[in-house]
């Protein structure tokens, strides 16, 4: 309401932000796969 002036945004933002810890995990692990030169697996867990 006070930052975005969009009260209807509340539930959408709440749901999406709880995807954060899961996203952090699979993105960091994708970097690990990239270090092992497993490029396809890395891209799969990065965004595909």
ModelCIF file with pLDDT and N, C-alpha, C, O atoms, coordinates in Angstrom:
data_MODEL
#
_entry.id   MODEL 
#
_entity.id                         1 
_entity.type                       polymer 
_entity.pdbx_number_of_molecules   1 
#
_entity_poly.entity_id                      1 
_entity_poly.type                           'polypeptide(L)' 
_entity_poly.nstd_linkage                   no 
_entity_poly.nstd_monomer                   no 
_entity_poly.pdbx_seq_one_letter_code       
;(UNK)(UNK)(UNK)(UNK)(UNK)(UNK)(UNK)(UNK)(UNK)(UNK)(UNK)(UNK)(UNK)(UNK)(UNK)(UNK)
(UNK)(UNK)(UNK)(UNK)(UNK)(UNK)(UNK)(UNK)(UNK)(UNK)(UNK)(UNK)(UNK)(UNK)(UNK)(UNK)
(UNK)(UNK)(UNK)(UNK)(UNK)(UNK)(UNK)(UNK)(UNK)(UNK)(UNK)(UNK)(UNK)(UNK)(UNK)(UNK)
;
_entity_poly.pdbx_seq_one_letter_code_can   XXXXXXXXXXXXXXXXXXXXXXXXXXXXXXXXXXXXXXXXXXXXXXXX 
_entity_poly.pdbx_strand_id                 A 
#
loop_
_entity_poly_seq.entity_id 
_entity_poly_seq.num 
_entity_poly_seq.mon_id 
_entity_poly_seq.hetero 
1 1  UNK n 
1 2  UNK n 
1 3  UNK n 
1 4  UNK n 
1 5  UNK n 
1 6  UNK n 
1 7  UNK n 
1 8  UNK n 
1 9  UNK n 
1 10 UNK n 
1 11 UNK n 
1 12 UNK n 
1 13 UNK n 
1 14 UNK n 
1 15 UNK n 
1 16 UNK n 
1 17 UNK n 
1 18 UNK n 
1 19 UNK n 
1 20 UNK n 
1 21 UNK n 
1 22 UNK n 
1 23 UNK n 
1 24 UNK n 
1 25 UNK n 
1 26 UNK n 
1 27 UNK n 
1 28 UNK n 
1 29 UNK n 
1 30 UNK n 
1 31 UNK n 
1 32 UNK n 
1 33 UNK n 
1 34 UNK n 
1 35 UNK n 
1 36 UNK n 
1 37 UNK n 
1 38 UNK n 
1 39 UNK n 
1 40 UNK n 
1 41 UNK n 
1 42 UNK n 
1 43 UNK n 
1 44 UNK n 
1 45 UNK n 
1 46 UNK n 
1 47 UNK n 
1 48 UNK n 
#
_struct_asym.id          A 
_struct_asym.entity_id   1 
#
loop_
_ma_qa_metric.id 
_ma_qa_metric.mode 
_ma_qa_metric.name 
_ma_qa_metric.software_group_id 
_ma_qa_metric.type 
1 global pLDDT . pLDDT 
2 local  pLDDT . pLDDT 
#
_ma_qa_metric_global.metric_id      1 
_ma_qa_metric_global.metric_value   87.12 
_ma_qa_metric_global.model_id       1 
_ma_qa_metric_global.ordinal_id     1 
#
loop_
_ma_qa_metric_local.label_asym_id 
_ma_qa_metric_local.label_comp_id 
_ma_qa_metric_local.label_seq_id 
_ma_qa_metric_local.metric_id 
_ma_qa_metric_local.metric_value 
_ma_qa_metric_local.model_id 
_ma_qa_metric_local.ordinal_id 
A UNK 1  2 90.00 1 1  
A UNK 2  2 90.00 1 2  
A UNK 3  2 90.00 1 3  
A UNK 4  2 89.00 1 4  
A UNK 5  2 87.00 1 5  
A UNK 6  2 90.00 1 6  
A UNK 7  2 89.00 1 7  
A UNK 8  2 90.00 1 8  
A UNK 9  2 91.00 1 9  
A UNK 10 2 92.00 1 10 
A UNK 11 2 92.00 1 11 
A UNK 12 2 93.00 1 12 
A UNK 13 2 93.00 1 13 
A UNK 14 2 94.00 1 14 
A UNK 15 2 94.00 1 15 
A UNK 16 2 93.00 1 16 
A UNK 17 2 94.00 1 17 
A UNK 18 2 95.00 1 18 
A UNK 19 2 95.00 1 19 
A UNK 20 2 95.00 1 20 
A UNK 21 2 94.00 1 21 
A UNK 22 2 95.00 1 22 
A UNK 23 2 93.00 1 23 
A UNK 24 2 93.00 1 24 
A UNK 25 2 93.00 1 25 
A UNK 26 2 91.00 1 26 
A UNK 27 2 90.00 1 27 
A UNK 28 2 90.00 1 28 
A UNK 29 2 90.00 1 29 
A UNK 30 2 88.00 1 30 
A UNK 31 2 84.00 1 31 
A UNK 32 2 84.00 1 32 
A UNK 33 2 84.00 1 33 
A UNK 34 2 80.00 1 34 
A UNK 35 2 78.00 1 35 
A UNK 36 2 77.00 1 36 
A UNK 37 2 72.00 1 37 
A UNK 38 2 77.00 1 38 
A UNK 39 2 74.00 1 39 
A UNK 40 2 76.00 1 40 
A UNK 41 2 82.00 1 41 
A UNK 42 2 82.00 1 42 
A UNK 43 2 79.00 1 43 
A UNK 44 2 80.00 1 44 
A UNK 45 2 83.00 1 45 
A UNK 46 2 79.00 1 46 
A UNK 47 2 77.00 1 47 
A UNK 48 2 81.00 1 48 
#
loop_
_atom_site.group_PDB 
_atom_site.id 
_atom_site.type_symbol 
_atom_site.label_atom_id 
_atom_site.label_alt_id 
_atom_site.label_comp_id 
_atom_site.label_asym_id 
_atom_site.label_entity_id 
_atom_site.label_seq_id 
_atom_site.pdbx_PDB_ins_code 
_atom_site.Cartn_x 
_atom_site.Cartn_y 
_atom_site.Cartn_z 
_atom_site.occupancy 
_atom_site.B_iso_or_equiv 
_atom_site.pdbx_formal_charge 
_atom_site.auth_seq_id 
_atom_site.auth_comp_id 
_atom_site.auth_asym_id 
_atom_site.auth_atom_id 
_atom_site.pdbx_PDB_model_num 
ATOM 1   N N  . UNK A 1 1  ? 0.813  -1.215  0.000   1.00 90.00 ? 1  UNK A N  1 
ATOM 2   C CA . UNK A 1 1  ? 0.000  0.000   0.000   1.00 90.00 ? 1  UNK A CA 1 
ATOM 3   C C  . UNK A 1 1  ? 0.848  1.267   0.000   1.00 90.00 ? 1  UNK A C  1 
ATOM 4   O O  . UNK A 1 1  ? 0.612  2.178   -0.794  1.00 90.00 ? 1  UNK A O  1 
ATOM 5   N N  . UNK A 1 2  ? 1.839  1.323   0.896   1.00 90.00 ? 2  UNK A N  1 
ATOM 6   C CA . UNK A 1 2  ? 2.572  2.580   1.097   1.00 90.00 ? 2  UNK A CA 1 
ATOM 7   C C  . UNK A 1 2  ? 3.760  2.764   0.164   1.00 90.00 ? 2  UNK A C  1 
ATOM 8   O O  . UNK A 1 2  ? 4.143  3.896   -0.131  1.00 90.00 ? 2  UNK A O  1 
ATOM 9   N N  . UNK A 1 3  ? 4.351  1.661   -0.306  1.00 90.00 ? 3  UNK A N  1 
ATOM 10  C CA . UNK A 1 3  ? 5.492  1.772   -1.217  1.00 90.00 ? 3  UNK A CA 1 
ATOM 11  C C  . UNK A 1 3  ? 5.040  1.724   -2.667  1.00 90.00 ? 3  UNK A C  1 
ATOM 12  O O  . UNK A 1 3  ? 5.386  2.596   -3.464  1.00 90.00 ? 3  UNK A O  1 
ATOM 13  N N  . UNK A 1 4  ? 4.260  0.694   -3.005  1.00 89.00 ? 4  UNK A N  1 
ATOM 14  C CA . UNK A 1 4  ? 3.863  0.498   -4.405  1.00 89.00 ? 4  UNK A CA 1 
ATOM 15  C C  . UNK A 1 4  ? 2.485  1.061   -4.737  1.00 89.00 ? 4  UNK A C  1 
ATOM 16  O O  . UNK A 1 4  ? 2.094  1.097   -5.904  1.00 89.00 ? 4  UNK A O  1 
ATOM 17  N N  . UNK A 1 5  ? 1.754  1.495   -3.728  1.00 87.00 ? 5  UNK A N  1 
ATOM 18  C CA . UNK A 1 5  ? 0.397  2.046   -3.935  1.00 87.00 ? 5  UNK A CA 1 
ATOM 19  C C  . UNK A 1 5  ? -0.495 1.065   -4.685  1.00 87.00 ? 5  UNK A C  1 
ATOM 20  O O  . UNK A 1 5  ? -1.313 1.462   -5.515  1.00 87.00 ? 5  UNK A O  1 
ATOM 21  N N  . UNK A 1 6  ? -0.329 -0.215  -4.384  1.00 90.00 ? 6  UNK A N  1 
ATOM 22  C CA . UNK A 1 6  ? -1.085 -1.274  -5.045  1.00 90.00 ? 6  UNK A CA 1 
ATOM 23  C C  . UNK A 1 6  ? -1.529 -2.281  -3.980  1.00 90.00 ? 6  UNK A C  1 
ATOM 24  O O  . UNK A 1 6  ? -0.865 -3.301  -3.800  1.00 90.00 ? 6  UNK A O  1 
ATOM 25  N N  . UNK A 1 7  ? -2.619 -2.026  -3.278  1.00 89.00 ? 7  UNK A N  1 
ATOM 26  C CA . UNK A 1 7  ? -3.052 -2.937  -2.215  1.00 89.00 ? 7  UNK A CA 1 
ATOM 27  C C  . UNK A 1 7  ? -3.314 -4.355  -2.714  1.00 89.00 ? 7  UNK A C  1 
ATOM 28  O O  . UNK A 1 7  ? -3.155 -5.316  -1.961  1.00 89.00 ? 7  UNK A O  1 
ATOM 29  N N  . UNK A 1 8  ? -3.713 -4.490  -3.976  1.00 90.00 ? 8  UNK A N  1 
ATOM 30  C CA . UNK A 1 8  ? -3.980 -5.809  -4.550  1.00 90.00 ? 8  UNK A CA 1 
ATOM 31  C C  . UNK A 1 8  ? -2.700 -6.609  -4.783  1.00 90.00 ? 8  UNK A C  1 
ATOM 32  O O  . UNK A 1 8  ? -2.754 -7.785  -5.141  1.00 90.00 ? 8  UNK A O  1 
ATOM 33  N N  . UNK A 1 9  ? -1.554 -5.969  -4.578  1.00 91.00 ? 9  UNK A N  1 
ATOM 34  C CA . UNK A 1 9  ? -0.256 -6.602  -4.795  1.00 91.00 ? 9  UNK A CA 1 
ATOM 35  C C  . UNK A 1 9  ? 0.160  -7.473  -3.613  1.00 91.00 ? 9  UNK A C  1 
ATOM 36  O O  . UNK A 1 9  ? 1.084  -8.277  -3.740  1.00 91.00 ? 9  UNK A O  1 
ATOM 37  N N  . UNK A 1 10 ? -0.502 -7.328  -2.472  1.00 92.00 ? 10 UNK A N  1 
ATOM 38  C CA . UNK A 1 10 ? -0.067 -7.927  -1.210  1.00 92.00 ? 10 UNK A CA 1 
ATOM 39  C C  . UNK A 1 10 ? 0.089  -9.450  -1.288  1.00 92.00 ? 10 UNK A C  1 
ATOM 40  O O  . UNK A 1 10 ? 1.167  -9.968  -0.998  1.00 92.00 ? 10 UNK A O  1 
ATOM 41  N N  . UNK A 1 11 ? -0.956 -10.166 -1.670  1.00 92.00 ? 11 UNK A N  1 
ATOM 42  C CA . UNK A 1 11 ? -0.900 -11.631 -1.698  1.00 92.00 ? 11 UNK A CA 1 
ATOM 43  C C  . UNK A 1 11 ? 0.069  -12.152 -2.749  1.00 92.00 ? 11 UNK A C  1 
ATOM 44  O O  . UNK A 1 11 ? 0.736  -13.166 -2.545  1.00 92.00 ? 11 UNK A O  1 
ATOM 45  N N  . UNK A 1 12 ? 0.140  -11.454 -3.866  1.00 93.00 ? 12 UNK A N  1 
ATOM 46  C CA . UNK A 1 12 ? 1.060  -11.859 -4.935  1.00 93.00 ? 12 UNK A CA 1 
ATOM 47  C C  . UNK A 1 12 ? 2.499  -11.791 -4.433  1.00 93.00 ? 12 UNK A C  1 
ATOM 48  O O  . UNK A 1 12 ? 3.271  -12.732 -4.616  1.00 93.00 ? 12 UNK A O  1 
ATOM 49  N N  . UNK A 1 13 ? 2.853  -10.686 -3.808  1.00 93.00 ? 13 UNK A N  1 
ATOM 50  C CA . UNK A 1 13 ? 4.212  -10.508 -3.289  1.00 93.00 ? 13 UNK A CA 1 
ATOM 51  C C  . UNK A 1 13 ? 4.518  -11.523 -2.191  1.00 93.00 ? 13 UNK A C  1 
ATOM 52  O O  . UNK A 1 13 ? 5.620  -12.070 -2.141  1.00 93.00 ? 13 UNK A O  1 
ATOM 53  N N  . UNK A 1 14 ? 3.557  -11.776 -1.319  1.00 94.00 ? 14 UNK A N  1 
ATOM 54  C CA . UNK A 1 14 ? 3.769  -12.719 -0.213  1.00 94.00 ? 14 UNK A CA 1 
ATOM 55  C C  . UNK A 1 14 ? 4.087  -14.119 -0.738  1.00 94.00 ? 14 UNK A C  1 
ATOM 56  O O  . UNK A 1 14 ? 5.008  -14.773 -0.249  1.00 94.00 ? 14 UNK A O  1 
ATOM 57  N N  . UNK A 1 15 ? 3.334  -14.570 -1.720  1.00 94.00 ? 15 UNK A N  1 
ATOM 58  C CA . UNK A 1 15 ? 3.564  -15.902 -2.285  1.00 94.00 ? 15 UNK A CA 1 
ATOM 59  C C  . UNK A 1 15 ? 4.919  -15.986 -2.983  1.00 94.00 ? 15 UNK A C  1 
ATOM 60  O O  . UNK A 1 15 ? 5.662  -16.952 -2.810  1.00 94.00 ? 15 UNK A O  1 
ATOM 61  N N  . UNK A 1 16 ? 5.225  -14.969 -3.766  1.00 93.00 ? 16 UNK A N  1 
ATOM 62  C CA . UNK A 1 16 ? 6.467  -15.006 -4.538  1.00 93.00 ? 16 UNK A CA 1 
ATOM 63  C C  . UNK A 1 16 ? 7.693  -14.936 -3.641  1.00 93.00 ? 16 UNK A C  1 
ATOM 64  O O  . UNK A 1 16 ? 8.703  -15.581 -3.922  1.00 93.00 ? 16 UNK A O  1 
ATOM 65  N N  . UNK A 1 17 ? 7.616  -14.158 -2.561  1.00 94.00 ? 17 UNK A N  1 
ATOM 66  C CA . UNK A 1 17 ? 8.802  -14.020 -1.721  1.00 94.00 ? 17 UNK A CA 1 
ATOM 67  C C  . UNK A 1 17 ? 9.113  -15.318 -0.988  1.00 94.00 ? 17 UNK A C  1 
ATOM 68  O O  . UNK A 1 17 ? 10.265 -15.553 -0.622  1.00 94.00 ? 17 UNK A O  1 
ATOM 69  N N  . UNK A 1 18 ? 8.095  -16.178 -0.762  1.00 95.00 ? 18 UNK A N  1 
ATOM 70  C CA . UNK A 1 18 ? 8.376  -17.457 -0.111  1.00 95.00 ? 18 UNK A CA 1 
ATOM 71  C C  . UNK A 1 18 ? 9.020  -18.471 -1.056  1.00 95.00 ? 18 UNK A C  1 
ATOM 72  O O  . UNK A 1 18 ? 9.417  -19.559 -0.639  1.00 95.00 ? 18 UNK A O  1 
ATOM 73  N N  . UNK A 1 19 ? 9.118  -18.100 -2.329  1.00 95.00 ? 19 UNK A N  1 
ATOM 74  C CA . UNK A 1 19 ? 9.911  -18.912 -3.255  1.00 95.00 ? 19 UNK A CA 1 
ATOM 75  C C  . UNK A 1 19 ? 11.397 -18.603 -3.117  1.00 95.00 ? 19 UNK A C  1 
ATOM 76  O O  . UNK A 1 19 ? 12.233 -19.303 -3.689  1.00 95.00 ? 19 UNK A O  1 
ATOM 77  N N  . UNK A 1 20 ? 11.731 -17.551 -2.355  1.00 95.00 ? 20 UNK A N  1 
ATOM 78  C CA . UNK A 1 20 ? 13.120 -17.084 -2.259  1.00 95.00 ? 20 UNK A CA 1 
ATOM 79  C C  . UNK A 1 20 ? 14.095 -18.138 -1.732  1.00 95.00 ? 20 UNK A C  1 
ATOM 80  O O  . UNK A 1 20 ? 15.091 -18.401 -2.405  1.00 95.00 ? 20 UNK A O  1 
ATOM 81  N N  . UNK A 1 21 ? 13.869 -18.762 -0.558  1.00 94.00 ? 21 UNK A N  1 
ATOM 82  C CA . UNK A 1 21 ? 14.871 -19.723 -0.066  1.00 94.00 ? 21 UNK A CA 1 
ATOM 83  C C  . UNK A 1 21 ? 15.081 -20.904 -1.011  1.00 94.00 ? 21 UNK A C  1 
ATOM 84  O O  . UNK A 1 21 ? 16.197 -21.410 -1.135  1.00 94.00 ? 21 UNK A O  1 
ATOM 85  N N  . UNK A 1 22 ? 14.023 -21.340 -1.672  1.00 95.00 ? 22 UNK A N  1 
ATOM 86  C CA . UNK A 1 22 ? 14.155 -22.453 -2.626  1.00 95.00 ? 22 UNK A CA 1 
ATOM 87  C C  . UNK A 1 22 ? 14.953 -22.013 -3.859  1.00 95.00 ? 22 UNK A C  1 
ATOM 88  O O  . UNK A 1 22 ? 15.774 -22.765 -4.383  1.00 95.00 ? 22 UNK A O  1 
ATOM 89  N N  . UNK A 1 23 ? 14.695 -20.783 -4.308  1.00 93.00 ? 23 UNK A N  1 
ATOM 90  C CA . UNK A 1 23 ? 15.416 -20.258 -5.464  1.00 93.00 ? 23 UNK A CA 1 
ATOM 91  C C  . UNK A 1 23 ? 16.896 -20.095 -5.161  1.00 93.00 ? 23 UNK A C  1 
ATOM 92  O O  . UNK A 1 23 ? 17.744 -20.414 -5.995  1.00 93.00 ? 23 UNK A O  1 
ATOM 93  N N  . UNK A 1 24 ? 17.207 -19.602 -3.979  1.00 93.00 ? 24 UNK A N  1 
ATOM 94  C CA . UNK A 1 24 ? 18.599 -19.428 -3.569  1.00 93.00 ? 24 UNK A CA 1 
ATOM 95  C C  . UNK A 1 24 ? 19.343 -20.761 -3.616  1.00 93.00 ? 24 UNK A C  1 
ATOM 96  O O  . UNK A 1 24 ? 20.487 -20.825 -4.068  1.00 93.00 ? 24 UNK A O  1 
ATOM 97  N N  . UNK A 1 25 ? 18.694 -21.818 -3.151  1.00 93.00 ? 25 UNK A N  1 
ATOM 98  C CA . UNK A 1 25 ? 19.346 -23.132 -3.120  1.00 93.00 ? 25 UNK A CA 1 
ATOM 99  C C  . UNK A 1 25 ? 19.645 -23.639 -4.526  1.00 93.00 ? 25 UNK A C  1 
ATOM 100 O O  . UNK A 1 25 ? 20.784 -23.996 -4.825  1.00 93.00 ? 25 UNK A O  1 
ATOM 101 N N  . UNK A 1 26 ? 18.624 -23.673 -5.397  1.00 91.00 ? 26 UNK A N  1 
ATOM 102 C CA . UNK A 1 26 ? 18.907 -24.291 -6.705  1.00 91.00 ? 26 UNK A CA 1 
ATOM 103 C C  . UNK A 1 26 ? 19.799 -23.403 -7.585  1.00 91.00 ? 26 UNK A C  1 
ATOM 104 O O  . UNK A 1 26 ? 20.475 -23.916 -8.477  1.00 91.00 ? 26 UNK A O  1 
ATOM 105 N N  . UNK A 1 27 ? 19.815 -22.092 -7.354  1.00 90.00 ? 27 UNK A N  1 
ATOM 106 C CA . UNK A 1 27 ? 20.718 -21.241 -8.116  1.00 90.00 ? 27 UNK A CA 1 
ATOM 107 C C  . UNK A 1 27 ? 22.167 -21.427 -7.678  1.00 90.00 ? 27 UNK A C  1 
ATOM 108 O O  . UNK A 1 27 ? 23.064 -21.461 -8.520  1.00 90.00 ? 27 UNK A O  1 
ATOM 109 N N  . UNK A 1 28 ? 22.410 -21.548 -6.373  1.00 90.00 ? 28 UNK A N  1 
ATOM 110 C CA . UNK A 1 28 ? 23.778 -21.784 -5.902  1.00 90.00 ? 28 UNK A CA 1 
ATOM 111 C C  . UNK A 1 28 ? 24.283 -23.162 -6.326  1.00 90.00 ? 28 UNK A C  1 
ATOM 112 O O  . UNK A 1 28 ? 25.446 -23.313 -6.698  1.00 90.00 ? 28 UNK A O  1 
ATOM 113 N N  . UNK A 1 29 ? 23.411 -24.160 -6.270  1.00 90.00 ? 29 UNK A N  1 
ATOM 114 C CA . UNK A 1 29 ? 23.826 -25.495 -6.709  1.00 90.00 ? 29 UNK A CA 1 
ATOM 115 C C  . UNK A 1 29 ? 24.119 -25.521 -8.205  1.00 90.00 ? 29 UNK A C  1 
ATOM 116 O O  . UNK A 1 29 ? 24.978 -26.276 -8.659  1.00 90.00 ? 29 UNK A O  1 
ATOM 117 N N  . UNK A 1 30 ? 23.407 -24.698 -8.972  1.00 88.00 ? 30 UNK A N  1 
ATOM 118 C CA . UNK A 1 30 ? 23.692 -24.614 -10.407 1.00 88.00 ? 30 UNK A CA 1 
ATOM 119 C C  . UNK A 1 30 ? 25.113 -24.094 -10.635 1.00 88.00 ? 30 UNK A C  1 
ATOM 120 O O  . UNK A 1 30 ? 25.775 -24.494 -11.593 1.00 88.00 ? 30 UNK A O  1 
ATOM 121 N N  . UNK A 1 31 ? 25.585 -23.200 -9.751  1.00 84.00 ? 31 UNK A N  1 
ATOM 122 C CA . UNK A 1 31 ? 26.971 -22.725 -9.847  1.00 84.00 ? 31 UNK A CA 1 
ATOM 123 C C  . UNK A 1 31 ? 27.947 -23.861 -9.557  1.00 84.00 ? 31 UNK A C  1 
ATOM 124 O O  . UNK A 1 31 ? 29.005 -23.954 -10.179 1.00 84.00 ? 31 UNK A O  1 
ATOM 125 N N  . UNK A 1 32 ? 27.585 -24.722 -8.610  1.00 84.00 ? 32 UNK A N  1 
ATOM 126 C CA . UNK A 1 32 ? 28.421 -25.878 -8.333  1.00 84.00 ? 32 UNK A CA 1 
ATOM 127 C C  . UNK A 1 32 ? 28.533 -26.794 -9.540  1.00 84.00 ? 32 UNK A C  1 
ATOM 128 O O  . UNK A 1 32 ? 29.627 -27.248 -9.875  1.00 84.00 ? 32 UNK A O  1 
ATOM 129 N N  . UNK A 1 33 ? 27.411 -27.069 -10.198 1.00 84.00 ? 33 UNK A N  1 
ATOM 130 C CA . UNK A 1 33 ? 27.435 -27.889 -11.416 1.00 84.00 ? 33 UNK A CA 1 
ATOM 131 C C  . UNK A 1 33 ? 28.249 -27.218 -12.518 1.00 84.00 ? 33 UNK A C  1 
ATOM 132 O O  . UNK A 1 33 ? 28.941 -27.890 -13.282 1.00 84.00 ? 33 UNK A O  1 
ATOM 133 N N  . UNK A 1 34 ? 28.164 -25.884 -12.598 1.00 80.00 ? 34 UNK A N  1 
ATOM 134 C CA . UNK A 1 34 ? 28.945 -25.164 -13.595 1.00 80.00 ? 34 UNK A CA 1 
ATOM 135 C C  . UNK A 1 34 ? 30.440 -25.332 -13.341 1.00 80.00 ? 34 UNK A C  1 
ATOM 136 O O  . UNK A 1 34 ? 31.221 -25.470 -14.283 1.00 80.00 ? 34 UNK A O  1 
ATOM 137 N N  . UNK A 1 35 ? 30.836 -25.321 -12.070 1.00 78.00 ? 35 UNK A N  1 
ATOM 138 C CA . UNK A 1 35 ? 32.230 -25.539 -11.726 1.00 78.00 ? 35 UNK A CA 1 
ATOM 139 C C  . UNK A 1 35 ? 32.729 -26.919 -12.134 1.00 78.00 ? 35 UNK A C  1 
ATOM 140 O O  . UNK A 1 35 ? 33.907 -27.097 -12.443 1.00 78.00 ? 35 UNK A O  1 
ATOM 141 N N  . UNK A 1 36 ? 31.830 -27.885 -12.133 1.00 77.00 ? 36 UNK A N  1 
ATOM 142 C CA . UNK A 1 36 ? 32.161 -29.244 -12.579 1.00 77.00 ? 36 UNK A CA 1 
ATOM 143 C C  . UNK A 1 36 ? 32.054 -29.392 -14.096 1.00 77.00 ? 36 UNK A C  1 
ATOM 144 O O  . UNK A 1 36 ? 32.229 -30.496 -14.613 1.00 77.00 ? 36 UNK A O  1 
ATOM 145 N N  . UNK A 1 37 ? 31.769 -28.299 -14.825 1.00 72.00 ? 37 UNK A N  1 
ATOM 146 C CA . UNK A 1 37 ? 31.587 -28.289 -16.276 1.00 72.00 ? 37 UNK A CA 1 
ATOM 147 C C  . UNK A 1 37 ? 30.345 -29.071 -16.719 1.00 72.00 ? 37 UNK A C  1 
ATOM 148 O O  . UNK A 1 37 ? 30.262 -29.506 -17.868 1.00 72.00 ? 37 UNK A O  1 
ATOM 149 N N  . UNK A 1 38 ? 29.391 -29.245 -15.819 1.00 77.00 ? 38 UNK A N  1 
ATOM 150 C CA . UNK A 1 38 ? 28.129 -29.901 -16.179 1.00 77.00 ? 38 UNK A CA 1 
ATOM 151 C C  . UNK A 1 38 ? 27.137 -28.812 -16.592 1.00 77.00 ? 38 UNK A C  1 
ATOM 152 O O  . UNK A 1 38 ? 26.240 -28.430 -15.841 1.00 77.00 ? 38 UNK A O  1 
ATOM 153 N N  . UNK A 1 39 ? 27.340 -28.336 -17.810 1.00 74.00 ? 39 UNK A N  1 
ATOM 154 C CA . UNK A 1 39 ? 26.673 -27.129 -18.266 1.00 74.00 ? 39 UNK A CA 1 
ATOM 155 C C  . UNK A 1 39 ? 25.163 -27.319 -18.388 1.00 74.00 ? 39 UNK A C  1 
ATOM 156 O O  . UNK A 1 39 ? 24.395 -26.460 -17.954 1.00 74.00 ? 39 UNK A O  1 
ATOM 157 N N  . UNK A 1 40 ? 24.735 -28.423 -18.969 1.00 76.00 ? 40 UNK A N  1 
ATOM 158 C CA . UNK A 1 40 ? 23.304 -28.649 -19.182 1.00 76.00 ? 40 UNK A CA 1 
ATOM 159 C C  . UNK A 1 40 ? 22.557 -28.719 -17.855 1.00 76.00 ? 40 UNK A C  1 
ATOM 160 O O  . UNK A 1 40 ? 21.510 -28.095 -17.689 1.00 76.00 ? 40 UNK A O  1 
ATOM 161 N N  . UNK A 1 41 ? 23.103 -29.482 -16.913 1.00 82.00 ? 41 UNK A N  1 
ATOM 162 C CA . UNK A 1 41 ? 22.487 -29.582 -15.592 1.00 82.00 ? 41 UNK A CA 1 
ATOM 163 C C  . UNK A 1 41 ? 22.450 -28.214 -14.923 1.00 82.00 ? 41 UNK A C  1 
ATOM 164 O O  . UNK A 1 41 ? 21.465 -27.857 -14.277 1.00 82.00 ? 41 UNK A O  1 
ATOM 165 N N  . UNK A 1 42 ? 23.530 -27.452 -15.081 1.00 82.00 ? 42 UNK A N  1 
ATOM 166 C CA . UNK A 1 42 ? 23.591 -26.120 -14.484 1.00 82.00 ? 42 UNK A CA 1 
ATOM 167 C C  . UNK A 1 42 ? 22.494 -25.212 -15.022 1.00 82.00 ? 42 UNK A C  1 
ATOM 168 O O  . UNK A 1 42 ? 21.823 -24.524 -14.253 1.00 82.00 ? 42 UNK A O  1 
ATOM 169 N N  . UNK A 1 43 ? 22.310 -25.208 -16.331 1.00 79.00 ? 43 UNK A N  1 
ATOM 170 C CA . UNK A 1 43 ? 21.272 -24.376 -16.944 1.00 79.00 ? 43 UNK A CA 1 
ATOM 171 C C  . UNK A 1 43 ? 19.884 -24.849 -16.520 1.00 79.00 ? 43 UNK A C  1 
ATOM 172 O O  . UNK A 1 43 ? 18.984 -24.036 -16.311 1.00 79.00 ? 43 UNK A O  1 
ATOM 173 N N  . UNK A 1 44 ? 19.716 -26.154 -16.394 1.00 80.00 ? 44 UNK A N  1 
ATOM 174 C CA . UNK A 1 44 ? 18.430 -26.702 -15.979 1.00 80.00 ? 44 UNK A CA 1 
ATOM 175 C C  . UNK A 1 44 ? 18.013 -26.149 -14.622 1.00 80.00 ? 44 UNK A C  1 
ATOM 176 O O  . UNK A 1 44 ? 16.863 -25.759 -14.424 1.00 80.00 ? 44 UNK A O  1 
ATOM 177 N N  . UNK A 1 45 ? 18.974 -26.120 -13.681 1.00 83.00 ? 45 UNK A N  1 
ATOM 178 C CA . UNK A 1 45 ? 18.635 -25.653 -12.344 1.00 83.00 ? 45 UNK A CA 1 
ATOM 179 C C  . UNK A 1 45 ? 18.791 -24.139 -12.188 1.00 83.00 ? 45 UNK A C  1 
ATOM 180 O O  . UNK A 1 45 ? 18.391 -23.578 -11.168 1.00 83.00 ? 45 UNK A O  1 
ATOM 181 N N  . UNK A 1 46 ? 19.355 -23.489 -13.171 1.00 79.00 ? 46 UNK A N  1 
ATOM 182 C CA . UNK A 1 46 ? 19.503 -22.047 -13.091 1.00 79.00 ? 46 UNK A CA 1 
ATOM 183 C C  . UNK A 1 46 ? 18.221 -21.333 -13.468 1.00 79.00 ? 46 UNK A C  1 
ATOM 184 O O  . UNK A 1 46 ? 17.796 -20.416 -12.765 1.00 79.00 ? 46 UNK A O  1 
ATOM 185 N N  . UNK A 1 47 ? 17.593 -21.737 -14.570 1.00 77.00 ? 47 UNK A N  1 
ATOM 186 C CA . UNK A 1 47 ? 16.350 -21.061 -14.981 1.00 77.00 ? 47 UNK A CA 1 
ATOM 187 C C  . UNK A 1 47 ? 15.420 -21.916 -15.834 1.00 77.00 ? 47 UNK A C  1 
ATOM 188 O O  . UNK A 1 47 ? 14.208 -21.701 -15.834 1.00 77.00 ? 47 UNK A O  1 
ATOM 189 N N  . UNK A 1 48 ? 15.972 -22.878 -16.556 1.00 81.00 ? 48 UNK A N  1 
ATOM 190 C CA . UNK A 1 48 ? 15.142 -23.667 -17.474 1.00 81.00 ? 48 UNK A CA 1 
ATOM 191 C C  . UNK A 1 48 ? 14.091 -24.472 -16.720 1.00 81.00 ? 48 UNK A C  1 
ATOM 192 O O  . UNK A 1 48 ? 13.306 -25.193 -17.337 1.00 81.00 ? 48 UNK A O  1 
#
